[in-house]
N, C-alpha and C. Protein backbone atom coordinates (compact mmCIF):
# COMPACT_ATOMS: atom_id res chain seq x y z
N MET A 1 0.84 -1.19 0.00
CA MET A 1 0.00 0.00 0.00
C MET A 1 0.88 1.25 0.00
N ARG A 2 0.35 2.30 -0.51
CA ARG A 2 1.08 3.57 -0.53
C ARG A 2 0.93 4.28 0.82
N THR A 3 1.93 5.08 1.14
CA THR A 3 1.90 5.86 2.38
C THR A 3 1.04 7.11 2.17
N THR A 4 0.68 7.74 3.27
CA THR A 4 -0.07 9.00 3.19
C THR A 4 0.74 10.05 2.45
N LYS A 5 2.03 10.15 2.75
CA LYS A 5 2.89 11.13 2.07
C LYS A 5 2.90 10.89 0.56
N ASP A 6 2.99 9.63 0.16
CA ASP A 6 2.99 9.29 -1.26
C ASP A 6 1.65 9.63 -1.90
N ARG A 7 0.55 9.38 -1.21
CA ARG A 7 -0.78 9.70 -1.76
C ARG A 7 -0.96 11.21 -1.92
N ILE A 8 -0.41 11.98 -0.99
CA ILE A 8 -0.49 13.44 -1.10
C ILE A 8 0.36 13.92 -2.27
N ARG A 9 1.57 13.39 -2.42
CA ARG A 9 2.42 13.74 -3.57
C ARG A 9 1.71 13.40 -4.87
N HIS A 10 1.08 12.25 -4.92
CA HIS A 10 0.36 11.81 -6.11
C HIS A 10 -0.77 12.78 -6.46
N ALA A 11 -1.60 13.09 -5.47
CA ALA A 11 -2.77 13.95 -5.72
C ALA A 11 -2.35 15.36 -6.14
N LEU A 12 -1.39 15.93 -5.44
CA LEU A 12 -0.96 17.30 -5.77
C LEU A 12 -0.28 17.39 -7.13
N SER A 13 0.62 16.46 -7.41
CA SER A 13 1.30 16.51 -8.71
C SER A 13 0.32 16.27 -9.86
N PHE A 14 -0.64 15.40 -9.64
CA PHE A 14 -1.67 15.15 -10.65
C PHE A 14 -2.41 16.44 -10.98
N GLU A 15 -2.87 17.15 -9.97
CA GLU A 15 -3.69 18.34 -10.19
C GLU A 15 -2.88 19.52 -10.72
N ILE A 16 -1.68 19.72 -10.24
CA ILE A 16 -0.86 20.85 -10.71
C ILE A 16 -0.53 20.71 -12.19
N ILE A 17 -0.10 19.54 -12.60
CA ILE A 17 0.24 19.31 -14.01
C ILE A 17 -1.02 19.47 -14.87
N ALA A 18 -2.14 18.93 -14.40
CA ALA A 18 -3.39 19.04 -15.16
C ALA A 18 -3.83 20.49 -15.32
N LEU A 19 -3.71 21.30 -14.26
CA LEU A 19 -4.11 22.72 -14.34
C LEU A 19 -3.33 23.46 -15.41
N VAL A 20 -2.06 23.18 -15.49
CA VAL A 20 -1.20 23.85 -16.48
C VAL A 20 -1.65 23.51 -17.90
N ILE A 21 -2.18 22.33 -18.09
CA ILE A 21 -2.63 21.90 -19.41
C ILE A 21 -4.07 22.32 -19.70
N VAL A 22 -4.98 22.08 -18.75
CA VAL A 22 -6.41 22.20 -19.02
C VAL A 22 -6.93 23.64 -19.03
N THR A 23 -6.32 24.55 -18.28
CA THR A 23 -6.86 25.91 -18.22
C THR A 23 -6.80 26.62 -19.57
N PRO A 24 -5.65 26.73 -20.20
CA PRO A 24 -5.65 27.38 -21.51
C PRO A 24 -6.41 26.59 -22.58
N LEU A 25 -6.35 25.28 -22.49
CA LEU A 25 -7.07 24.44 -23.45
C LEU A 25 -8.58 24.63 -23.32
N GLY A 26 -9.08 24.69 -22.07
CA GLY A 26 -10.52 24.90 -21.84
C GLY A 26 -10.98 26.27 -22.28
N ALA A 27 -10.18 27.30 -22.00
CA ALA A 27 -10.54 28.66 -22.43
C ALA A 27 -10.65 28.73 -23.95
N TRP A 28 -9.75 28.10 -24.62
CA TRP A 28 -9.76 28.09 -26.09
C TRP A 28 -10.95 27.27 -26.60
N ALA A 29 -11.15 26.07 -26.08
CA ALA A 29 -12.19 25.16 -26.57
C ALA A 29 -13.60 25.70 -26.36
N PHE A 30 -13.82 26.41 -25.24
CA PHE A 30 -15.17 26.90 -24.93
C PHE A 30 -15.34 28.39 -25.22
N ALA A 31 -14.31 29.00 -25.79
CA ALA A 31 -14.35 30.42 -26.14
C ALA A 31 -14.81 31.26 -24.94
N MET A 32 -14.21 31.01 -23.81
CA MET A 32 -14.52 31.74 -22.57
C MET A 32 -13.24 32.38 -22.06
N PRO A 33 -13.39 33.43 -21.25
CA PRO A 33 -12.20 34.08 -20.70
C PRO A 33 -11.35 33.10 -19.88
N LEU A 34 -10.06 33.25 -20.01
CA LEU A 34 -9.11 32.41 -19.29
C LEU A 34 -9.38 32.46 -17.78
N GLU A 35 -9.75 33.65 -17.29
CA GLU A 35 -10.01 33.81 -15.85
C GLU A 35 -11.18 32.96 -15.39
N ASP A 36 -12.27 32.93 -16.17
CA ASP A 36 -13.44 32.14 -15.80
C ASP A 36 -13.13 30.65 -15.79
N ILE A 37 -12.47 30.21 -16.84
CA ILE A 37 -12.09 28.79 -16.90
C ILE A 37 -11.05 28.50 -15.83
N GLY A 38 -10.19 29.47 -15.55
CA GLY A 38 -9.19 29.29 -14.50
C GLY A 38 -9.82 29.07 -13.13
N VAL A 39 -10.87 29.84 -12.81
CA VAL A 39 -11.57 29.66 -11.53
C VAL A 39 -12.22 28.29 -11.48
N VAL A 40 -12.91 27.92 -12.56
CA VAL A 40 -13.54 26.61 -12.61
C VAL A 40 -12.48 25.52 -12.47
N ALA A 41 -11.37 25.67 -13.18
CA ALA A 41 -10.31 24.66 -13.11
C ALA A 41 -9.70 24.58 -11.72
N LEU A 42 -9.45 25.73 -11.10
CA LEU A 42 -8.84 25.74 -9.77
C LEU A 42 -9.77 25.15 -8.70
N VAL A 43 -11.03 25.57 -8.70
CA VAL A 43 -11.99 25.01 -7.74
C VAL A 43 -12.19 23.52 -8.01
N SER A 44 -12.31 23.18 -9.27
CA SER A 44 -12.48 21.76 -9.63
C SER A 44 -11.26 20.94 -9.20
N ALA A 45 -10.09 21.50 -9.39
CA ALA A 45 -8.86 20.79 -9.00
C ALA A 45 -8.79 20.61 -7.49
N THR A 46 -9.23 21.62 -6.76
CA THR A 46 -9.22 21.53 -5.29
C THR A 46 -10.17 20.43 -4.83
N ILE A 47 -11.37 20.42 -5.39
CA ILE A 47 -12.33 19.37 -5.05
C ILE A 47 -11.80 18.02 -5.52
N ALA A 48 -11.26 17.98 -6.71
CA ALA A 48 -10.74 16.73 -7.26
C ALA A 48 -9.57 16.18 -6.46
N THR A 49 -8.77 17.07 -5.87
CA THR A 49 -7.64 16.61 -5.06
C THR A 49 -8.13 15.82 -3.86
N GLY A 50 -9.13 16.35 -3.17
CA GLY A 50 -9.71 15.61 -2.05
C GLY A 50 -10.35 14.32 -2.50
N TRP A 51 -11.10 14.39 -3.61
CA TRP A 51 -11.74 13.19 -4.16
C TRP A 51 -10.68 12.18 -4.58
N ASN A 52 -9.60 12.64 -5.19
CA ASN A 52 -8.52 11.76 -5.64
C ASN A 52 -7.95 10.98 -4.46
N TYR A 53 -7.64 11.68 -3.38
CA TYR A 53 -7.07 11.02 -2.21
C TYR A 53 -8.03 9.97 -1.66
N LEU A 54 -9.28 10.39 -1.42
CA LEU A 54 -10.27 9.49 -0.84
C LEU A 54 -10.57 8.31 -1.77
N TYR A 55 -10.79 8.59 -3.04
CA TYR A 55 -11.14 7.56 -4.01
C TYR A 55 -10.02 6.53 -4.12
N ASN A 56 -8.76 6.98 -4.28
CA ASN A 56 -7.66 6.04 -4.43
C ASN A 56 -7.42 5.23 -3.17
N LEU A 57 -7.60 5.84 -2.01
CA LEU A 57 -7.47 5.10 -0.76
C LEU A 57 -8.52 4.00 -0.68
N LEU A 58 -9.79 4.35 -0.95
CA LEU A 58 -10.87 3.36 -0.92
C LEU A 58 -10.69 2.29 -1.99
N PHE A 59 -10.29 2.71 -3.17
CA PHE A 59 -10.11 1.76 -4.28
C PHE A 59 -9.00 0.76 -3.94
N ASP A 60 -7.87 1.25 -3.42
CA ASP A 60 -6.76 0.36 -3.07
C ASP A 60 -7.15 -0.60 -1.95
N HIS A 61 -7.88 -0.12 -0.96
CA HIS A 61 -8.34 -1.01 0.11
C HIS A 61 -9.27 -2.08 -0.44
N ALA A 62 -10.17 -1.69 -1.33
CA ALA A 62 -11.08 -2.67 -1.94
C ALA A 62 -10.31 -3.67 -2.79
N LEU A 63 -9.37 -3.19 -3.58
CA LEU A 63 -8.57 -4.08 -4.43
C LEU A 63 -7.74 -5.03 -3.58
N LEU A 64 -7.14 -4.54 -2.52
CA LEU A 64 -6.35 -5.38 -1.63
C LEU A 64 -7.23 -6.46 -1.00
N ARG A 65 -8.41 -6.07 -0.57
CA ARG A 65 -9.32 -7.03 0.06
C ARG A 65 -9.82 -8.07 -0.93
N LEU A 66 -10.16 -7.64 -2.14
CA LEU A 66 -10.74 -8.55 -3.13
C LEU A 66 -9.70 -9.38 -3.88
N ALA A 67 -8.54 -8.75 -4.19
CA ALA A 67 -7.55 -9.44 -5.01
C ALA A 67 -6.28 -9.82 -4.25
N GLY A 68 -6.07 -9.25 -3.07
CA GLY A 68 -4.88 -9.56 -2.29
C GLY A 68 -3.66 -8.75 -2.67
N HIS A 69 -3.84 -7.77 -3.55
CA HIS A 69 -2.73 -6.90 -3.97
C HIS A 69 -3.33 -5.61 -4.52
N VAL A 70 -2.46 -4.63 -4.78
CA VAL A 70 -2.94 -3.36 -5.33
C VAL A 70 -2.42 -3.11 -6.75
N ARG A 71 -1.84 -4.12 -7.37
CA ARG A 71 -1.39 -3.97 -8.76
C ARG A 71 -2.62 -3.91 -9.68
N LYS A 72 -2.54 -3.04 -10.68
CA LYS A 72 -3.68 -2.84 -11.58
C LYS A 72 -3.33 -3.33 -12.98
N THR A 73 -4.18 -4.18 -13.53
CA THR A 73 -4.06 -4.60 -14.91
C THR A 73 -4.56 -3.48 -15.81
N LEU A 74 -4.41 -3.64 -17.10
CA LEU A 74 -4.90 -2.65 -18.05
C LEU A 74 -6.41 -2.46 -17.88
N LEU A 75 -7.15 -3.55 -17.80
CA LEU A 75 -8.60 -3.46 -17.63
C LEU A 75 -8.96 -2.78 -16.30
N MET A 76 -8.24 -3.10 -15.24
CA MET A 76 -8.50 -2.49 -13.94
C MET A 76 -8.19 -0.99 -13.98
N ARG A 77 -7.15 -0.58 -14.70
CA ARG A 77 -6.82 0.85 -14.83
C ARG A 77 -7.92 1.60 -15.57
N ILE A 78 -8.49 0.98 -16.58
CA ILE A 78 -9.59 1.60 -17.32
C ILE A 78 -10.81 1.75 -16.40
N PHE A 79 -11.15 0.71 -15.67
CA PHE A 79 -12.27 0.75 -14.72
C PHE A 79 -12.02 1.81 -13.65
N HIS A 80 -10.81 1.85 -13.13
CA HIS A 80 -10.41 2.81 -12.09
C HIS A 80 -10.63 4.24 -12.58
N ALA A 81 -10.15 4.54 -13.78
CA ALA A 81 -10.27 5.89 -14.33
C ALA A 81 -11.72 6.27 -14.61
N LEU A 82 -12.50 5.34 -15.19
CA LEU A 82 -13.91 5.63 -15.49
C LEU A 82 -14.72 5.90 -14.22
N LEU A 83 -14.51 5.08 -13.21
CA LEU A 83 -15.25 5.26 -11.96
C LEU A 83 -14.87 6.57 -11.27
N PHE A 84 -13.59 6.89 -11.28
CA PHE A 84 -13.14 8.15 -10.68
C PHE A 84 -13.78 9.34 -11.38
N GLU A 85 -13.72 9.38 -12.69
CA GLU A 85 -14.24 10.52 -13.45
C GLU A 85 -15.76 10.62 -13.36
N GLY A 86 -16.45 9.49 -13.32
CA GLY A 86 -17.91 9.52 -13.17
C GLY A 86 -18.33 10.15 -11.85
N GLY A 87 -17.65 9.78 -10.79
CA GLY A 87 -17.95 10.37 -9.48
C GLY A 87 -17.65 11.85 -9.45
N LEU A 88 -16.52 12.23 -10.01
CA LEU A 88 -16.14 13.64 -10.02
C LEU A 88 -17.10 14.47 -10.88
N LEU A 89 -17.56 13.93 -11.97
CA LEU A 89 -18.51 14.63 -12.83
C LEU A 89 -19.77 15.00 -12.05
N LEU A 90 -20.28 14.08 -11.28
CA LEU A 90 -21.48 14.35 -10.48
C LEU A 90 -21.24 15.41 -9.42
N ILE A 91 -20.06 15.41 -8.85
CA ILE A 91 -19.73 16.38 -7.80
C ILE A 91 -19.60 17.80 -8.37
N LEU A 92 -19.00 17.93 -9.56
CA LEU A 92 -18.66 19.25 -10.11
C LEU A 92 -19.76 19.92 -10.92
N LEU A 93 -20.70 19.17 -11.42
CA LEU A 93 -21.73 19.71 -12.32
C LEU A 93 -22.44 20.96 -11.78
N PRO A 94 -22.95 20.95 -10.58
CA PRO A 94 -23.66 22.16 -10.10
C PRO A 94 -22.76 23.40 -10.03
N PHE A 95 -21.53 23.23 -9.60
CA PHE A 95 -20.61 24.37 -9.50
C PHE A 95 -20.32 24.98 -10.87
N ILE A 96 -20.06 24.16 -11.86
CA ILE A 96 -19.75 24.66 -13.20
C ILE A 96 -20.92 25.46 -13.75
N ALA A 97 -22.13 24.93 -13.63
CA ALA A 97 -23.32 25.63 -14.12
C ALA A 97 -23.48 26.97 -13.42
N TRP A 98 -23.33 26.99 -12.12
CA TRP A 98 -23.50 28.22 -11.34
C TRP A 98 -22.43 29.25 -11.68
N HIS A 99 -21.17 28.87 -11.64
CA HIS A 99 -20.10 29.85 -11.82
C HIS A 99 -20.06 30.42 -13.23
N LEU A 100 -20.29 29.60 -14.22
CA LEU A 100 -20.22 30.09 -15.60
C LEU A 100 -21.56 30.64 -16.09
N GLY A 101 -22.61 30.50 -15.29
CA GLY A 101 -23.91 31.02 -15.68
C GLY A 101 -24.47 30.31 -16.90
N VAL A 102 -24.29 29.01 -16.95
CA VAL A 102 -24.78 28.23 -18.08
C VAL A 102 -25.82 27.23 -17.58
N THR A 103 -26.55 26.65 -18.50
CA THR A 103 -27.56 25.65 -18.13
C THR A 103 -26.87 24.38 -17.64
N LEU A 104 -27.64 23.56 -16.97
CA LEU A 104 -27.09 22.27 -16.52
C LEU A 104 -26.65 21.42 -17.71
N LEU A 105 -27.38 21.51 -18.81
CA LEU A 105 -26.99 20.75 -20.01
C LEU A 105 -25.66 21.25 -20.55
N GLN A 106 -25.50 22.58 -20.64
CA GLN A 106 -24.23 23.13 -21.10
C GLN A 106 -23.10 22.77 -20.13
N ALA A 107 -23.38 22.86 -18.85
CA ALA A 107 -22.37 22.50 -17.84
C ALA A 107 -22.01 21.02 -17.96
N PHE A 108 -23.02 20.20 -18.20
CA PHE A 108 -22.78 18.77 -18.37
C PHE A 108 -21.86 18.51 -19.56
N LEU A 109 -22.15 19.17 -20.69
CA LEU A 109 -21.31 18.98 -21.88
C LEU A 109 -19.88 19.46 -21.64
N MET A 110 -19.75 20.58 -20.93
CA MET A 110 -18.41 21.07 -20.59
C MET A 110 -17.71 20.09 -19.65
N ASP A 111 -18.45 19.65 -18.64
CA ASP A 111 -17.89 18.73 -17.67
C ASP A 111 -17.47 17.41 -18.33
N VAL A 112 -18.29 16.93 -19.24
CA VAL A 112 -17.94 15.70 -19.97
C VAL A 112 -16.68 15.93 -20.80
N SER A 113 -16.56 17.11 -21.41
CA SER A 113 -15.35 17.42 -22.18
C SER A 113 -14.12 17.41 -21.29
N PHE A 114 -14.24 18.03 -20.12
CA PHE A 114 -13.13 18.00 -19.16
C PHE A 114 -12.86 16.56 -18.72
N ALA A 115 -13.93 15.79 -18.50
CA ALA A 115 -13.77 14.41 -18.04
C ALA A 115 -13.05 13.56 -19.09
N VAL A 116 -13.35 13.78 -20.36
CA VAL A 116 -12.66 13.03 -21.41
C VAL A 116 -11.16 13.33 -21.38
N PHE A 117 -10.83 14.62 -21.24
CA PHE A 117 -9.42 14.99 -21.10
C PHE A 117 -8.81 14.30 -19.89
N TYR A 118 -9.47 14.44 -18.73
CA TYR A 118 -8.93 13.89 -17.50
C TYR A 118 -8.89 12.37 -17.50
N LEU A 119 -9.80 11.75 -18.23
CA LEU A 119 -9.80 10.29 -18.33
C LEU A 119 -8.50 9.81 -18.97
N ALA A 120 -8.17 10.41 -20.10
CA ALA A 120 -6.92 10.03 -20.78
C ALA A 120 -5.71 10.45 -19.94
N TYR A 121 -5.78 11.65 -19.39
CA TYR A 121 -4.69 12.16 -18.57
C TYR A 121 -4.48 11.28 -17.34
N ALA A 122 -5.56 10.90 -16.64
CA ALA A 122 -5.45 10.07 -15.44
C ALA A 122 -4.83 8.72 -15.76
N PHE A 123 -5.24 8.15 -16.88
CA PHE A 123 -4.69 6.85 -17.27
C PHE A 123 -3.18 6.94 -17.45
N VAL A 124 -2.74 7.92 -18.23
CA VAL A 124 -1.30 8.09 -18.51
C VAL A 124 -0.56 8.50 -17.24
N PHE A 125 -1.08 9.49 -16.52
CA PHE A 125 -0.40 9.97 -15.32
C PHE A 125 -0.22 8.85 -14.31
N ASN A 126 -1.27 8.09 -14.01
CA ASN A 126 -1.18 7.04 -13.00
C ASN A 126 -0.24 5.92 -13.42
N TRP A 127 -0.22 5.60 -14.69
CA TRP A 127 0.69 4.57 -15.17
C TRP A 127 2.14 5.04 -14.99
N VAL A 128 2.42 6.27 -15.41
CA VAL A 128 3.78 6.82 -15.26
C VAL A 128 4.14 6.95 -13.78
N TYR A 129 3.19 7.40 -12.97
CA TYR A 129 3.45 7.55 -11.53
C TYR A 129 3.83 6.21 -10.91
N ASP A 130 3.11 5.15 -11.28
CA ASP A 130 3.41 3.82 -10.74
C ASP A 130 4.79 3.33 -11.18
N ILE A 131 5.26 3.78 -12.33
CA ILE A 131 6.60 3.40 -12.79
C ILE A 131 7.65 4.21 -12.03
N VAL A 132 7.43 5.51 -11.92
CA VAL A 132 8.40 6.39 -11.25
C VAL A 132 8.42 6.14 -9.74
N PHE A 133 7.24 5.93 -9.14
CA PHE A 133 7.11 5.68 -7.70
C PHE A 133 6.38 4.35 -7.50
N PRO A 134 7.07 3.23 -7.65
CA PRO A 134 6.39 1.92 -7.56
C PRO A 134 5.80 1.66 -6.17
N VAL A 135 4.74 0.85 -6.16
CA VAL A 135 4.12 0.44 -4.91
C VAL A 135 5.12 -0.48 -4.19
N PRO A 136 5.29 -0.31 -2.88
CA PRO A 136 6.18 -1.21 -2.14
C PRO A 136 5.81 -2.68 -2.37
N ALA A 137 6.79 -3.55 -2.35
CA ALA A 137 6.60 -4.97 -2.67
C ALA A 137 5.62 -5.67 -1.74
N LEU A 138 5.57 -5.30 -0.49
CA LEU A 138 4.70 -5.96 0.48
C LEU A 138 3.28 -5.45 0.30
N ASP A 139 2.39 -6.33 -0.22
CA ASP A 139 1.01 -5.93 -0.47
C ASP A 139 0.07 -6.29 0.67
N ARG A 140 0.39 -7.34 1.41
CA ARG A 140 -0.51 -7.82 2.47
C ARG A 140 0.12 -7.56 3.84
N PRO A 141 -0.74 -7.23 4.80
CA PRO A 141 -0.22 -7.18 6.18
C PRO A 141 0.25 -8.57 6.60
N ALA A 142 1.18 -8.66 7.53
CA ALA A 142 1.68 -9.94 8.00
C ALA A 142 0.52 -10.80 8.49
N GLY A 143 0.57 -12.09 8.14
CA GLY A 143 -0.47 -13.02 8.58
C GLY A 143 -1.61 -13.17 7.59
N LEU A 144 -1.62 -12.37 6.54
CA LEU A 144 -2.68 -12.49 5.52
C LEU A 144 -2.05 -12.95 4.22
N ASN A 145 -1.54 -14.17 4.20
CA ASN A 145 -0.82 -14.66 3.03
C ASN A 145 -1.70 -15.37 2.03
N SER A 146 -2.89 -15.75 2.42
CA SER A 146 -3.77 -16.41 1.45
C SER A 146 -5.21 -15.93 1.68
N PRO A 147 -6.02 -16.04 0.62
CA PRO A 147 -7.43 -15.61 0.78
C PRO A 147 -8.14 -16.33 1.91
N ALA A 148 -7.75 -17.58 2.20
CA ALA A 148 -8.41 -18.33 3.26
C ALA A 148 -8.13 -17.74 4.64
N GLN A 149 -7.02 -17.01 4.79
CA GLN A 149 -6.67 -16.42 6.08
C GLN A 149 -7.32 -15.08 6.31
N ARG A 150 -8.01 -14.54 5.32
CA ARG A 150 -8.64 -13.24 5.48
C ARG A 150 -9.94 -13.32 6.19
């Protein structure tokens, strides 16, 4: 399992790199002022950082309990990214509509556009992060060596 310090490094680096990419890209794609998209991106990143920490902690605990390890296959990484983005989309939708003064449908389409970006970004970022900062070799607490012992 990852340490708290590692999870914080993961969440912060994920959001900072994404902000640098998504803010100018969103302003251009939606023909909106950089400042407006910047506020949406910053607030969204702040909310997403907390969600990222909580979601990954819960996901890793569930994976460890169900599979006995926290290694993710390609299919598991796709599932992980889709579930994360779906939850975040539901959390952010009301804020985007309110701050940008757009309808819920427009906010939904914008949010989905951001989610598509973040879906690809999360997949690549997490894969690279796992290579640069590998999960420690010990996946199970002592005494839990087989599913029968759980």
